[in-house]
């Protein structure tokens, strides 16, 4: 929504511009030279300091090392167990599985509503 400038806005604008021109005329040439010099130094030295650049390089290197470490972990193959260890592990598993299979009534009792009421 564009508004047409009213005479009050134009008067305000004009008065502020006049005030700015008056203020610029009141500043000494030496102060203007110092301000100009400070502005040039600030724009010339706008780059990051050497310590800050080293920090970015360090952060980039650390993140690269972390990424490589994660990639290596994902690409690693699982270790292969010798047949005797695999057979012992299967025998252990079957013994534990038999413990749970011996009493199916226990699981029926645990799943019943009477346990929930107690």
PDB file of N, CA and C in Angstrom:
ATOM      1  N   UNK A   1       0.855  -1.167   0.000  1.00  0.00           N
ATOM      2  CA  UNK A   1       0.000   0.000   0.000  1.00  0.00           C
ATOM      3  C   UNK A   1       0.906   1.237   0.000  1.00  0.00           C
ATOM      4  N   UNK A   2       0.915   1.947  -1.093  1.00  0.00           N
ATOM      5  CA  UNK A   2       1.744   3.146  -1.218  1.00  0.00           C
ATOM      6  C   UNK A   2       0.962   4.365  -0.799  1.00  0.00           C
ATOM      7  N   UNK A   3       1.586   5.148   0.026  1.00  0.00           N
ATOM      8  CA  UNK A   3       0.944   6.392   0.460  1.00  0.00           C
ATOM      9  C   UNK A   3       1.630   7.555  -0.236  1.00  0.00           C
ATOM     10  N   UNK A   4       0.870   8.479  -0.672  1.00  0.00           N
ATOM     11  CA  UNK A   4       1.448   9.680  -1.242  1.00  0.00           C
ATOM     12  C   UNK A   4       1.990  10.542  -0.110  1.00  0.00           C
ATOM     13  N   UNK A   5       3.175  11.150  -0.310  1.00  0.00           N
ATOM     14  CA  UNK A   5       3.734  11.968   0.777  1.00  0.00           C
ATOM     15  C   UNK A   5       2.860  13.186   1.039  1.00  0.00           C
ATOM     16  N   UNK A   6       2.634  13.377   2.291  1.00  0.00           N
ATOM     17  CA  UNK A   6       1.838  14.537   2.675  1.00  0.00           C
ATOM     18  C   UNK A   6       2.754  15.726   2.896  1.00  0.00           C
ATOM     19  N   UNK A   7       2.178  16.857   3.034  1.00  0.00           N
ATOM     20  CA  UNK A   7       2.991  18.059   3.225  1.00  0.00           C
ATOM     21  C   UNK A   7       3.717  18.013   4.568  1.00  0.00           C
ATOM     22  N   UNK A   8       3.117  17.369   5.582  1.00  0.00           N
ATOM     23  CA  UNK A   8       3.791  17.249   6.880  1.00  0.00           C
ATOM     24  C   UNK A   8       5.049  16.414   6.758  1.00  0.00           C
ATOM     25  N   UNK A   9       4.964  15.293   6.017  1.00  0.00           N
ATOM     26  CA  UNK A   9       6.143  14.438   5.818  1.00  0.00           C
ATOM     27  C   UNK A   9       7.214  15.176   5.033  1.00  0.00           C
ATOM     28  N   UNK A  10       6.821  15.910   4.020  1.00  0.00           N
ATOM     29  CA  UNK A  10       7.795  16.660   3.222  1.00  0.00           C
ATOM     30  C   UNK A  10       8.458  17.747   4.059  1.00  0.00           C
ATOM     31  N   UNK A  11       7.697  18.423   4.902  1.00  0.00           N
ATOM     32  CA  UNK A  11       8.265  19.453   5.772  1.00  0.00           C
ATOM     33  C   UNK A  11       9.259  18.845   6.765  1.00  0.00           C
ATOM     34  N   UNK A  12       8.893  17.711   7.319  1.00  0.00           N
ATOM     35  CA  UNK A  12       9.767  17.024   8.267  1.00  0.00           C
ATOM     36  C   UNK A  12      11.061  16.599   7.576  1.00  0.00           C
ATOM     37  N   UNK A  13      10.939  16.044   6.369  1.00  0.00           N
ATOM     38  CA  UNK A  13      12.097  15.632   5.593  1.00  0.00           C
ATOM     39  C   UNK A  13      13.027  16.810   5.308  1.00  0.00           C
ATOM     40  N   UNK A  14      12.443  17.893   4.880  1.00  0.00           N
ATOM     41  CA  UNK A  14      13.217  19.084   4.542  1.00  0.00           C
ATOM     42  C   UNK A  14      13.945  19.629   5.775  1.00  0.00           C
ATOM     43  N   UNK A  15      13.263  19.640   6.902  1.00  0.00           N
ATOM     44  CA  UNK A  15      13.898  20.171   8.112  1.00  0.00           C
ATOM     45  C   UNK A  15      15.045  19.271   8.579  1.00  0.00           C
ATOM     46  N   UNK A  16      14.887  17.961   8.459  1.00  0.00           N
ATOM     47  CA  UNK A  16      15.973  17.053   8.842  1.00  0.00           C
ATOM     48  C   UNK A  16      17.172  17.195   7.906  1.00  0.00           C
ATOM     49  N   UNK A  17      16.930  17.364   6.622  1.00  0.00           N
ATOM     50  CA  UNK A  17      18.036  17.552   5.686  1.00  0.00           C
ATOM     51  C   UNK A  17      18.804  18.846   5.990  1.00  0.00           C
ATOM     52  N   UNK A  18      18.074  19.889   6.315  1.00  0.00           N
ATOM     53  CA  UNK A  18      18.730  21.152   6.660  1.00  0.00           C
ATOM     54  C   UNK A  18      19.553  21.007   7.938  1.00  0.00           C
ATOM     55  N   UNK A  19      19.013  20.292   8.898  1.00  0.00           N
ATOM     56  CA  UNK A  19      19.733  20.061  10.146  1.00  0.00           C
ATOM     57  C   UNK A  19      21.016  19.260   9.897  1.00  0.00           C
ATOM     58  N   UNK A  20      20.941  18.259   9.030  1.00  0.00           N
ATOM     59  CA  UNK A  20      22.118  17.469   8.708  1.00  0.00           C
ATOM     60  C   UNK A  20      23.176  18.325   8.008  1.00  0.00           C
ATOM     61  N   UNK A  21      22.771  19.162   7.061  1.00  0.00           N
ATOM     62  CA  UNK A  21      23.721  20.028   6.368  1.00  0.00           C
ATOM     63  C   UNK A  21      24.399  21.005   7.346  1.00  0.00           C
ATOM     64  N   UNK A  22      23.617  21.522   8.271  1.00  0.00           N
ATOM     65  CA  UNK A  22      24.159  22.430   9.277  1.00  0.00           C
ATOM     66  C   UNK A  22      25.182  21.703  10.158  1.00  0.00           C
ATOM     67  N   UNK A  23      24.863  20.454  10.556  1.00  0.00           N
ATOM     68  CA  UNK A  23      25.762  19.678  11.415  1.00  0.00           C
ATOM     69  C   UNK A  23      27.050  19.333  10.671  1.00  0.00           C
ATOM     70  N   UNK A  24      26.940  19.008   9.380  1.00  0.00           N
ATOM     71  CA  UNK A  24      28.134  18.689   8.599  1.00  0.00           C
ATOM     72  C   UNK A  24      29.026  19.919   8.445  1.00  0.00           C
ATOM     73  N   UNK A  25      28.432  21.085   8.330  1.00  0.00           N
ATOM     74  CA  UNK A  25      29.208  22.310   8.215  1.00  0.00           C
ATOM     75  C   UNK A  25      29.905  22.682   9.503  1.00  0.00           C
ATOM     76  N   UNK A  26      29.395  22.214  10.639  1.00  0.00           N
ATOM     77  CA  UNK A  26      29.965  22.563  11.934  1.00  0.00           C
ATOM     78  C   UNK A  26      31.145  21.679  12.315  1.00  0.00           C
ATOM     79  N   UNK A  27      31.353  20.551  11.628  1.00  0.00           N
ATOM     80  CA  UNK A  27      32.455  19.640  11.955  1.00  0.00           C
ATOM     81  C   UNK A  27      33.738  20.190  11.342  1.00  0.00           C
ATOM     82  N   UNK A  28      34.797  20.175  12.116  1.00  0.00           N
ATOM     83  CA  UNK A  28      36.082  20.728  11.648  1.00  0.00           C
ATOM     84  C   UNK A  28      36.697  19.824  10.576  1.00  0.00           C
ATOM     85  N   UNK A  29      37.480  20.376   9.686  1.00  0.00           N
ATOM     86  CA  UNK A  29      38.139  19.562   8.647  1.00  0.00           C
ATOM     87  C   UNK A  29      39.073  18.500   9.234  1.00  0.00           C
ATOM     88  N   UNK A  30      39.700  18.780  10.370  1.00  0.00           N
ATOM     89  CA  UNK A  30      40.586  17.796  11.002  1.00  0.00           C
ATOM     90  C   UNK A  30      39.786  16.581  11.485  1.00  0.00           C
ATOM     91  N   UNK A  31      38.622  16.843  12.047  1.00  0.00           N
ATOM     92  CA  UNK A  31      37.782  15.736  12.513  1.00  0.00           C
ATOM     93  C   UNK A  31      37.286  14.917  11.324  1.00  0.00           C
ATOM     94  N   UNK A  32      36.918  15.594  10.237  1.00  0.00           N
ATOM     95  CA  UNK A  32      36.481  14.878   9.039  1.00  0.00           C
ATOM     96  C   UNK A  32      37.616  14.021   8.483  1.00  0.00           C
ATOM     97  N   UNK A  33      38.853  14.541   8.503  1.00  0.00           N
ATOM     98  CA  UNK A  33      39.998  13.766   8.013  1.00  0.00           C
ATOM     99  C   UNK A  33      40.239  12.534   8.876  1.00  0.00           C
ATOM    100  N   UNK A  34      40.133  12.689  10.204  1.00  0.00           N
ATOM    101  CA  UNK A  34      40.301  11.539  11.106  1.00  0.00           C
ATOM    102  C   UNK A  34      39.213  10.499  10.864  1.00  0.00           C
ATOM    103  N   UNK A  35      37.973  10.954  10.685  1.00  0.00           N
ATOM    104  CA  UNK A  35      36.878  10.019  10.423  1.00  0.00           C
ATOM    105  C   UNK A  35      37.090   9.280   9.106  1.00  0.00           C
ATOM    106  N   UNK A  36      37.527  10.004   8.075  1.00  0.00           N
ATOM    107  CA  UNK A  36      37.785   9.392   6.773  1.00  0.00           C
ATOM    108  C   UNK A  36      38.894   8.355   6.885  1.00  0.00           C
ATOM    109  N   UNK A  37      39.954   8.695   7.621  1.00  0.00           N
ATOM    110  CA  UNK A  37      41.073   7.776   7.805  1.00  0.00           C
ATOM    111  C   UNK A  37      40.627   6.530   8.583  1.00  0.00           C
ATOM    112  N   UNK A  38      39.841   6.702   9.613  1.00  0.00           N
ATOM    113  CA  UNK A  38      39.349   5.561  10.398  1.00  0.00           C
ATOM    114  C   UNK A  38      38.462   4.667   9.540  1.00  0.00           C
ATOM    115  N   UNK A  39      37.652   5.258   8.677  1.00  0.00           N
ATOM    116  CA  UNK A  39      36.777   4.478   7.805  1.00  0.00           C
ATOM    117  C   UNK A  39      37.611   3.667   6.817  1.00  0.00           C
ATOM    118  N   UNK A  40      38.659   4.279   6.259  1.00  0.00           N
ATOM    119  CA  UNK A  40      39.519   3.564   5.315  1.00  0.00           C
ATOM    120  C   UNK A  40      40.252   2.409   5.997  1.00  0.00           C
ATOM    121  N   UNK A  41      40.733   2.629   7.209  1.00  0.00           N
ATOM    122  CA  UNK A  41      41.420   1.561   7.932  1.00  0.00           C
ATOM    123  C   UNK A  41      40.461   0.430   8.273  1.00  0.00           C
ATOM    124  N   UNK A  42      39.236   0.785   8.599  1.00  0.00           N
ATOM    125  CA  UNK A  42      38.255  -0.246   8.956  1.00  0.00           C
ATOM    126  C   UNK A  42      37.900  -1.094   7.739  1.00  0.00           C
ATOM    127  N   UNK A  43      37.766  -0.469   6.568  1.00  0.00           N
ATOM    128  CA  UNK A  43      37.422  -1.242   5.376  1.00  0.00           C
ATOM    129  C   UNK A  43      38.623  -2.015   4.855  1.00  0.00           C
ATOM    130  N   UNK A  44      39.840  -1.500   5.031  1.00  0.00           N
ATOM    131  CA  UNK A  44      41.040  -2.212   4.579  1.00  0.00           C
ATOM    132  C   UNK A  44      41.309  -3.427   5.458  1.00  0.00           C
ATOM    133  N   UNK A  45      41.046  -3.337   6.736  1.00  0.00           N
ATOM    134  CA  UNK A  45      41.298  -4.445   7.660  1.00  0.00           C
ATOM    135  C   UNK A  45      40.054  -5.257   7.937  1.00  0.00           C
ATOM    136  N   UNK A  46      39.130  -5.299   6.982  1.00  0.00           N
ATOM    137  CA  UNK A  46      37.864  -5.995   7.219  1.00  0.00           C
ATOM    138  C   UNK A  46      38.019  -7.503   7.228  1.00  0.00           C
ATOM    139  N   UNK A  47      39.153  -8.026   6.721  1.00  0.00           N
ATOM    140  CA  UNK A  47      39.363  -9.468   6.721  1.00  0.00           C
ATOM    141  C   UNK A  47      39.504  -9.997   8.133  1.00  0.00           C
ATOM    142  N   UNK A  48      39.375 -11.302   8.269  1.00  0.00           N
ATOM    143  CA  UNK A  48      39.475 -11.926   9.586  1.00  0.00           C
ATOM    144  C   UNK A  48      40.922 -11.910  10.067  1.00  0.00           C
ATOM    145  N   UNK A  49      41.107 -11.845  11.348  1.00  0.00           N
ATOM    146  CA  UNK A  49      42.446 -11.856  11.934  1.00  0.00           C
ATOM    147  C   UNK A  49      43.075 -13.232  11.710  1.00  0.00           C
ATOM    148  N   UNK A  50      44.415 -13.316  11.764  1.00  0.00           N
ATOM    149  CA  UNK A  50      45.065 -14.623  11.545  1.00  0.00           C
ATOM    150  C   UNK A  50      44.609 -15.687  12.536  1.00  0.00           C
ATOM    151  N   UNK A  51      44.388 -15.302  13.775  1.00  0.00           N
ATOM    152  CA  UNK A  51      43.940 -16.288  14.771  1.00  0.00           C
ATOM    153  C   UNK A  51      42.560 -16.799  14.446  1.00  0.00           C
ATOM    154  N   UNK A  52      41.724 -15.930  13.949  1.00  0.00           N
ATOM    155  CA  UNK A  52      40.366 -16.350  13.612  1.00  0.00           C
ATOM    156  C   UNK A  52      40.390 -17.291  12.413  1.00  0.00           C
ATOM    157  N   UNK A  53      41.252 -16.987  11.427  1.00  0.00           N
ATOM    158  CA  UNK A  53      41.372 -17.871  10.269  1.00  0.00           C
ATOM    159  C   UNK A  53      41.904 -19.230  10.690  1.00  0.00           C
ATOM    160  N   UNK A  54      42.857 -19.254  11.624  1.00  0.00           N
ATOM    161  CA  UNK A  54      43.371 -20.541  12.104  1.00  0.00           C
ATOM    162  C   UNK A  54      42.275 -21.336  12.804  1.00  0.00           C
ATOM    163  N   UNK A  55      41.411 -20.644  13.514  1.00  0.00           N
ATOM    164  CA  UNK A  55      40.302 -21.330  14.173  1.00  0.00           C
ATOM    165  C   UNK A  55      39.373 -21.988  13.173  1.00  0.00           C
ATOM    166  N   UNK A  56      39.111 -21.316  12.065  1.00  0.00           N
ATOM    167  CA  UNK A  56      38.248 -21.904  11.032  1.00  0.00           C
ATOM    168  C   UNK A  56      38.918 -23.123  10.413  1.00  0.00           C
ATOM    169  N   UNK A  57      40.234 -23.034  10.174  1.00  0.00           N
ATOM    170  CA  UNK A  57      40.936 -24.180   9.613  1.00  0.00           C
ATOM    171  C   UNK A  57      40.903 -25.351  10.591  1.00  0.00           C
ATOM    172  N   UNK A  58      41.075 -25.072  11.855  1.00  0.00           N
ATOM    173  CA  UNK A  58      41.052 -26.135  12.858  1.00  0.00           C
ATOM    174  C   UNK A  58      39.669 -26.786  12.929  1.00  0.00           C
ATOM    175  N   UNK A  59      38.632 -25.980  12.920  1.00  0.00           N
ATOM    176  CA  UNK A  59      37.270 -26.522  12.959  1.00  0.00           C
ATOM    177  C   UNK A  59      36.976 -27.350  11.712  1.00  0.00           C
ATOM    178  N   UNK A  60      37.436 -26.885  10.563  1.00  0.00           N
ATOM    179  CA  UNK A  60      37.215 -27.630   9.329  1.00  0.00           C
ATOM    180  C   UNK A  60      37.961 -28.955   9.354  1.00  0.00           C
ATOM    181  N   UNK A  61      39.200 -28.941   9.831  1.00  0.00           N
ATOM    182  CA  UNK A  61      39.983 -30.173   9.896  1.00  0.00           C
ATOM    183  C   UNK A  61      39.359 -31.172  10.868  1.00  0.00           C
ATOM    184  N   UNK A  62      38.906 -30.688  12.012  1.00  0.00           N
ATOM    185  CA  UNK A  62      38.278 -31.595  12.998  1.00  0.00           C
ATOM    186  C   UNK A  62      36.996 -32.204  12.456  1.00  0.00           C
ATOM    187  N   UNK A  63      36.190 -31.416  11.776  1.00  0.00           N
ATOM    188  CA  UNK A  63      34.948 -31.956  11.228  1.00  0.00           C
ATOM    189  C   UNK A  63      35.246 -32.954  10.104  1.00  0.00           C
ATOM    190  N   UNK A  64      36.309 -32.719   9.326  1.00  0.00           N
ATOM    191  CA  UNK A  64      36.684 -33.668   8.273  1.00  0.00           C
ATOM    192  C   UNK A  64      37.139 -34.990   8.885  1.00  0.00           C
ATOM    193  N   UNK A  65      37.944 -34.925   9.947  1.00  0.00           N
ATOM    194  CA  UNK A  65      38.401 -36.149  10.616  1.00  0.00           C
ATOM    195  C   UNK A  65      37.206 -36.909  11.199  1.00  0.00           C
ATOM    196  N   UNK A  66      36.285 -36.202  11.784  1.00  0.00           N
ATOM    197  CA  UNK A  66      35.091 -36.847  12.334  1.00  0.00           C
ATOM    198  C   UNK A  66      34.263 -37.509  11.238  1.00  0.00           C
ATOM    199  N   UNK A  67      34.110 -36.837  10.104  1.00  0.00           N
ATOM    200  CA  UNK A  67      33.339 -37.408   8.991  1.00  0.00           C
ATOM    201  C   UNK A  67      34.006 -38.669   8.454  1.00  0.00           C
ATOM    202  N   UNK A  68      35.319 -38.654   8.334  1.00  0.00           N
ATOM    203  CA  UNK A  68      36.032 -39.841   7.855  1.00  0.00           C
ATOM    204  C   UNK A  68      35.894 -40.979   8.857  1.00  0.00           C
ATOM    205  N   UNK A  69      35.985 -40.674  10.135  1.00  0.00           N
ATOM    206  CA  UNK A  69      35.848 -41.706  11.165  1.00  0.00           C
ATOM    207  C   UNK A  69      34.472 -42.359  11.120  1.00  0.00           C
ATOM    208  N   UNK A  70      33.439 -41.560  10.979  1.00  0.00           N
ATOM    209  CA  UNK A  70      32.078 -42.104  10.893  1.00  0.00           C
ATOM    210  C   UNK A  70      31.917 -42.942   9.638  1.00  0.00           C
ATOM    211  N   UNK A  71      32.470 -42.484   8.520  1.00  0.00           N
ATOM    212  CA  UNK A  71      32.365 -43.245   7.274  1.00  0.00           C
ATOM    213  C   UNK A  71      33.071 -44.583   7.384  1.00  0.00           C
ATOM    214  N   UNK A  72      34.230 -44.603   8.039  1.00  0.00           N
ATOM    215  CA  UNK A  72      34.956 -45.861   8.204  1.00  0.00           C
ATOM    216  C   UNK A  72      34.156 -46.805   9.101  1.00  0.00           C
ATOM    217  N   UNK A  73      33.530 -46.285  10.139  1.00  0.00           N
ATOM    218  CA  UNK A  73      32.736 -47.134  11.030  1.00  0.00           C
ATOM    219  C   UNK A  73      31.554 -47.760  10.304  1.00  0.00           C
ATOM    220  N   UNK A  74      30.931 -47.016   9.389  1.00  0.00           N
ATOM    221  CA  UNK A  74      29.786 -47.556   8.653  1.00  0.00           C
ATOM    222  C   UNK A  74      30.214 -48.593   7.627  1.00  0.00           C
ATOM    223  N   UNK A  75      31.411 -48.465   7.102  1.00  0.00           N
ATOM    224  CA  UNK A  75      31.871 -49.394   6.068  1.00  0.00           C
ATOM    225  C   UNK A  75      32.566 -50.619   6.633  1.00  0.00           C
ATOM    226  N   UNK A  76      32.732 -50.694   7.911  1.00  0.00           N
ATOM    227  CA  UNK A  76      33.412 -51.823   8.532  1.00  0.00           C
ATOM    228  C   UNK A  76      32.523 -53.071   8.460  1.00  0.00           C
ATOM    229  N   UNK A  77      33.123 -54.218   8.127  1.00  0.00           N
ATOM    230  CA  UNK A  77      32.357 -55.476   8.072  1.00  0.00           C
ATOM    231  C   UNK A  77      32.351 -56.108   9.461  1.00  0.00           C
ATOM    232  N   UNK A  78      31.290 -56.809   9.803  1.00  0.00           N
ATOM    233  CA  UNK A  78      31.243 -57.435  11.141  1.00  0.00           C
ATOM    234  C   UNK A  78      32.265 -58.577  11.213  1.00  0.00           C
ATOM    235  N   UNK A  79      32.805 -58.830  12.389  1.00  0.00           N
ATOM    236  CA  UNK A  79      33.800 -59.902  12.516  1.00  0.00           C
ATOM    237  C   UNK A  79      33.149 -61.275  12.337  1.00  0.00           C
ATOM    238  N   UNK A  80      33.905 -62.189  11.751  1.00  0.00           N
ATOM    239  CA  UNK A  80      33.413 -63.555  11.530  1.00  0.00           C
ATOM    240  C   UNK A  80      33.898 -64.417  12.683  1.00  0.00           C
ATOM    241  N   UNK A  81      32.969 -65.112  13.340  1.00  0.00           N
ATOM    242  CA  UNK A  81      33.318 -65.960  14.475  1.00  0.00           C
ATOM    243  C   UNK A  81      33.768 -67.329  13.983  1.00  0.00           C
ATOM    244  N   UNK A  82      34.723 -67.919  14.674  1.00  0.00           N
ATOM    245  CA  UNK A  82      35.101 -69.298  14.309  1.00  0.00           C
ATOM    246  C   UNK A  82      33.925 -70.242  14.552  1.00  0.00           C
ATOM    247  N   UNK A  83      33.867 -71.356  13.847  1.00  0.00           N
ATOM    248  CA  UNK A  83      32.710 -72.268  13.980  1.00  0.00           C
ATOM    249  C   UNK A  83      32.488 -72.787  15.395  1.00  0.00           C
ATOM    250  N   UNK A  84      33.539 -73.009  16.162  1.00  0.00           N
ATOM    251  CA  UNK A  84      33.343 -73.548  17.510  1.00  0.00           C
ATOM    252  C   UNK A  84      32.667 -72.515  18.412  1.00  0.00           C
ATOM    253  N   UNK A  85      33.025 -71.241  18.273  1.00  0.00           N
ATOM    254  CA  UNK A  85      32.417 -70.192  19.089  1.00  0.00           C
ATOM    255  C   UNK A  85      30.958 -70.011  18.681  1.00  0.00           C
ATOM    256  N   UNK A  86      30.680 -70.089  17.394  1.00  0.00           N
ATOM    257  CA  UNK A  86      29.308 -69.934  16.925  1.00  0.00           C
ATOM    258  C   UNK A  86      28.437 -71.072  17.432  1.00  0.00           C
ATOM    259  N   UNK A  87      28.962 -72.304  17.469  1.00  0.00           N
ATOM    260  CA  UNK A  87      28.198 -73.454  17.954  1.00  0.00           C
ATOM    261  C   UNK A  87      27.924 -73.314  19.449  1.00  0.00           C
ATOM    262  N   UNK A  88      28.926 -72.859  20.227  1.00  0.00           N
ATOM    263  CA  UNK A  88      28.735 -72.663  21.670  1.00  0.00           C
ATOM    264  C   UNK A  88      27.676 -71.591  21.928  1.00  0.00           C
ATOM    265  N   UNK A  89      27.707 -70.537  21.132  1.00  0.00           N
ATOM    266  CA  UNK A  89      26.725 -69.474  21.308  1.00  0.00           C
ATOM    267  C   UNK A  89      25.323 -69.977  20.979  1.00  0.00           C
ATOM    268  N   UNK A  90      25.199 -70.818  19.979  1.00  0.00           N
ATOM    269  CA  UNK A  90      23.891 -71.380  19.625  1.00  0.00           C
ATOM    270  C   UNK A  90      23.400 -72.308  20.726  1.00  0.00           C
ATOM    271  N   UNK A  91      24.300 -73.085  21.334  1.00  0.00           N
ATOM    272  CA  UNK A  91      23.907 -73.991  22.425  1.00  0.00           C
ATOM    273  C   UNK A  91      23.447 -73.193  23.633  1.00  0.00           C
ATOM    274  N   UNK A  92      24.158 -72.073  23.932  1.00  0.00           N
ATOM    275  CA  UNK A  92      23.756 -71.220  25.045  1.00  0.00           C
ATOM    276  C   UNK A  92      22.389 -70.629  24.811  1.00  0.00           C
ATOM    277  N   UNK A  93      22.154 -70.198  23.597  1.00  0.00           N
ATOM    278  CA  UNK A  93      20.871 -69.593  23.262  1.00  0.00           C
ATOM    279  C   UNK A  93      19.749 -70.601  23.398  1.00  0.00           C
ATOM    280  N   UNK A  94      19.983 -71.810  22.980  1.00  0.00           N
ATOM    281  CA  UNK A  94      18.920 -72.807  23.067  1.00  0.00           C
ATOM    282  C   UNK A  94      18.625 -73.144  24.532  1.00  0.00           C
ATOM    283  N   UNK A  95      19.655 -73.180  25.406  1.00  0.00           N
ATOM    284  CA  UNK A  95      19.420 -73.441  26.830  1.00  0.00           C
ATOM    285  C   UNK A  95      18.558 -72.338  27.447  1.00  0.00           C
ATOM    286  N   UNK A  96      18.873 -71.080  27.111  1.00  0.00           N
ATOM    287  CA  UNK A  96      18.081 -69.971  27.642  1.00  0.00           C
ATOM    288  C   UNK A  96      16.668 -69.991  27.079  1.00  0.00           C
ATOM    289  N   UNK A  97      16.536 -70.345  25.850  1.00  0.00           N
ATOM    290  CA  UNK A  97      15.211 -70.393  25.243  1.00  0.00           C
ATOM    291  C   UNK A  97      14.367 -71.493  25.891  1.00  0.00           C
ATOM    292  N   UNK A  98      15.017 -72.595  26.304  1.00  0.00           N
ATOM    293  CA  UNK A  98      14.276 -73.672  26.961  1.00  0.00           C
ATOM    294  C   UNK A  98      13.735 -73.221  28.310  1.00  0.00           C
ATOM    295  N   UNK A  99      14.438 -72.358  29.015  1.00  0.00           N
ATOM    296  CA  UNK A  99      13.950 -71.870  30.292  1.00  0.00           C
ATOM    297  C   UNK A  99      12.618 -71.141  30.132  1.00  0.00           C
ATOM    298  N   UNK A 100      12.513 -70.376  29.081  1.00  0.00           N
ATOM    299  CA  UNK A 100      11.275 -69.623  28.875  1.00  0.00           C
ATOM    300  C   UNK A 100      10.159 -70.501  28.326  1.00  0.00           C
ATOM    301  N   UNK A 101      10.533 -71.546  27.616  1.00  0.00           N
ATOM    302  CA  UNK A 101       9.510 -72.426  27.042  1.00  0.00           C
ATOM    303  C   UNK A 101       8.980 -73.436  28.052  1.00  0.00           C
ATOM    304  N   UNK A 102       9.645 -73.651  29.174  1.00  0.00           N
ATOM    305  CA  UNK A 102       9.237 -74.658  30.139  1.00  0.00           C
ATOM    306  C   UNK A 102       7.913 -74.325  30.816  1.00  0.00           C
ATOM    307  N   UNK A 103       7.604 -73.052  31.001  1.00  0.00           N
ATOM    308  CA  UNK A 103       6.407 -72.704  31.744  1.00  0.00           C
ATOM    309  C   UNK A 103       5.555 -71.695  30.966  1.00  0.00           C
ATOM    310  N   UNK A 104       4.798 -72.139  29.989  1.00  0.00           N
ATOM    311  CA  UNK A 104       3.931 -71.212  29.263  1.00  0.00           C
ATOM    312  C   UNK A 104       2.755 -70.740  30.122  1.00  0.00           C
ATOM    313  N   UNK A 105       2.427 -71.496  31.169  1.00  0.00           N
ATOM    314  CA  UNK A 105       1.332 -71.070  32.049  1.00  0.00           C
ATOM    315  C   UNK A 105       1.680 -69.782  32.784  1.00  0.00           C
ATOM    316  N   UNK A 106       2.975 -69.572  33.068  1.00  0.00           N
ATOM    317  CA  UNK A 106       3.411 -68.341  33.715  1.00  0.00           C
ATOM    318  C   UNK A 106       3.052 -67.137  32.842  1.00  0.00           C
ATOM    319  N   UNK A 107       3.284 -67.258  31.549  1.00  0.00           N
ATOM    320  CA  UNK A 107       2.985 -66.138  30.656  1.00  0.00           C
ATOM    321  C   UNK A 107       1.482 -65.933  30.512  1.00  0.00           C
ATOM    322  N   UNK A 108       0.730 -67.004  30.551  1.00  0.00           N
ATOM    323  CA  UNK A 108      -0.732 -66.864  30.530  1.00  0.00           C
ATOM    324  C   UNK A 108      -1.213 -66.142  31.781  1.00  0.00           C
ATOM    325  N   UNK A 109      -0.612 -66.509  32.910  1.00  0.00           N
ATOM    326  CA  UNK A 109      -1.000 -65.864  34.165  1.00  0.00           C
ATOM    327  C   UNK A 109      -0.595 -64.387  34.166  1.00  0.00           C
ATOM    328  N   UNK A 110       0.607 -64.062  33.648  1.00  0.00           N
ATOM    329  CA  UNK A 110       1.052 -62.678  33.591  1.00  0.00           C
ATOM    330  C   UNK A 110       0.161 -61.835  32.666  1.00  0.00           C
ATOM    331  N   UNK A 111      -0.355 -62.464  31.626  1.00  0.00           N
ATOM    332  CA  UNK A 111      -1.196 -61.731  30.686  1.00  0.00           C
ATOM    333  C   UNK A 111      -2.644 -61.657  31.118  1.00  0.00           C
ATOM    334  N   UNK A 112      -3.001 -62.342  32.180  1.00  0.00           N
ATOM    335  CA  UNK A 112      -4.420 -62.361  32.587  1.00  0.00           C
ATOM    336  C   UNK A 112      -4.781 -61.060  33.313  1.00  0.00           C
ATOM    337  N   UNK A 113      -6.073 -60.859  33.476  1.00  0.00           N
ATOM    338  CA  UNK A 113      -6.583 -59.660  34.138  1.00  0.00           C
ATOM    339  C   UNK A 113      -6.387 -59.718  35.656  1.00  0.00           C
ATOM    340  N   UNK A 114      -6.195 -60.905  36.214  1.00  0.00           N
ATOM    341  CA  UNK A 114      -6.042 -60.994  37.672  1.00  0.00           C
ATOM    342  C   UNK A 114      -4.747 -60.330  38.124  1.00  0.00           C
ATOM    343  N   UNK A 115      -3.712 -60.386  37.326  1.00  0.00           N
ATOM    344  CA  UNK A 115      -2.459 -59.739  37.695  1.00  0.00           C
ATOM    345  C   UNK A 115      -2.628 -58.224  37.655  1.00  0.00           C
ATOM    346  N   UNK A 116      -3.367 -57.765  36.695  1.00  0.00           N
ATOM    347  CA  UNK A 116      -3.591 -56.325  36.570  1.00  0.00           C
ATOM    348  C   UNK A 116      -4.395 -55.802  37.768  1.00  0.00           C
ATOM    349  N   UNK A 117      -5.239 -56.628  38.352  1.00  0.00           N
ATOM    350  CA  UNK A 117      -6.058 -56.197  39.484  1.00  0.00           C
ATOM    351  C   UNK A 117      -5.268 -56.200  40.781  1.00  0.00           C
ATOM    352  N   UNK A 118      -4.210 -56.975  40.882  1.00  0.00           N
ATOM    353  CA  UNK A 118      -3.472 -57.086  42.138  1.00  0.00           C
ATOM    354  C   UNK A 118      -2.665 -55.891  42.438  1.00  0.00           C
TER     355      UNK A 118
END
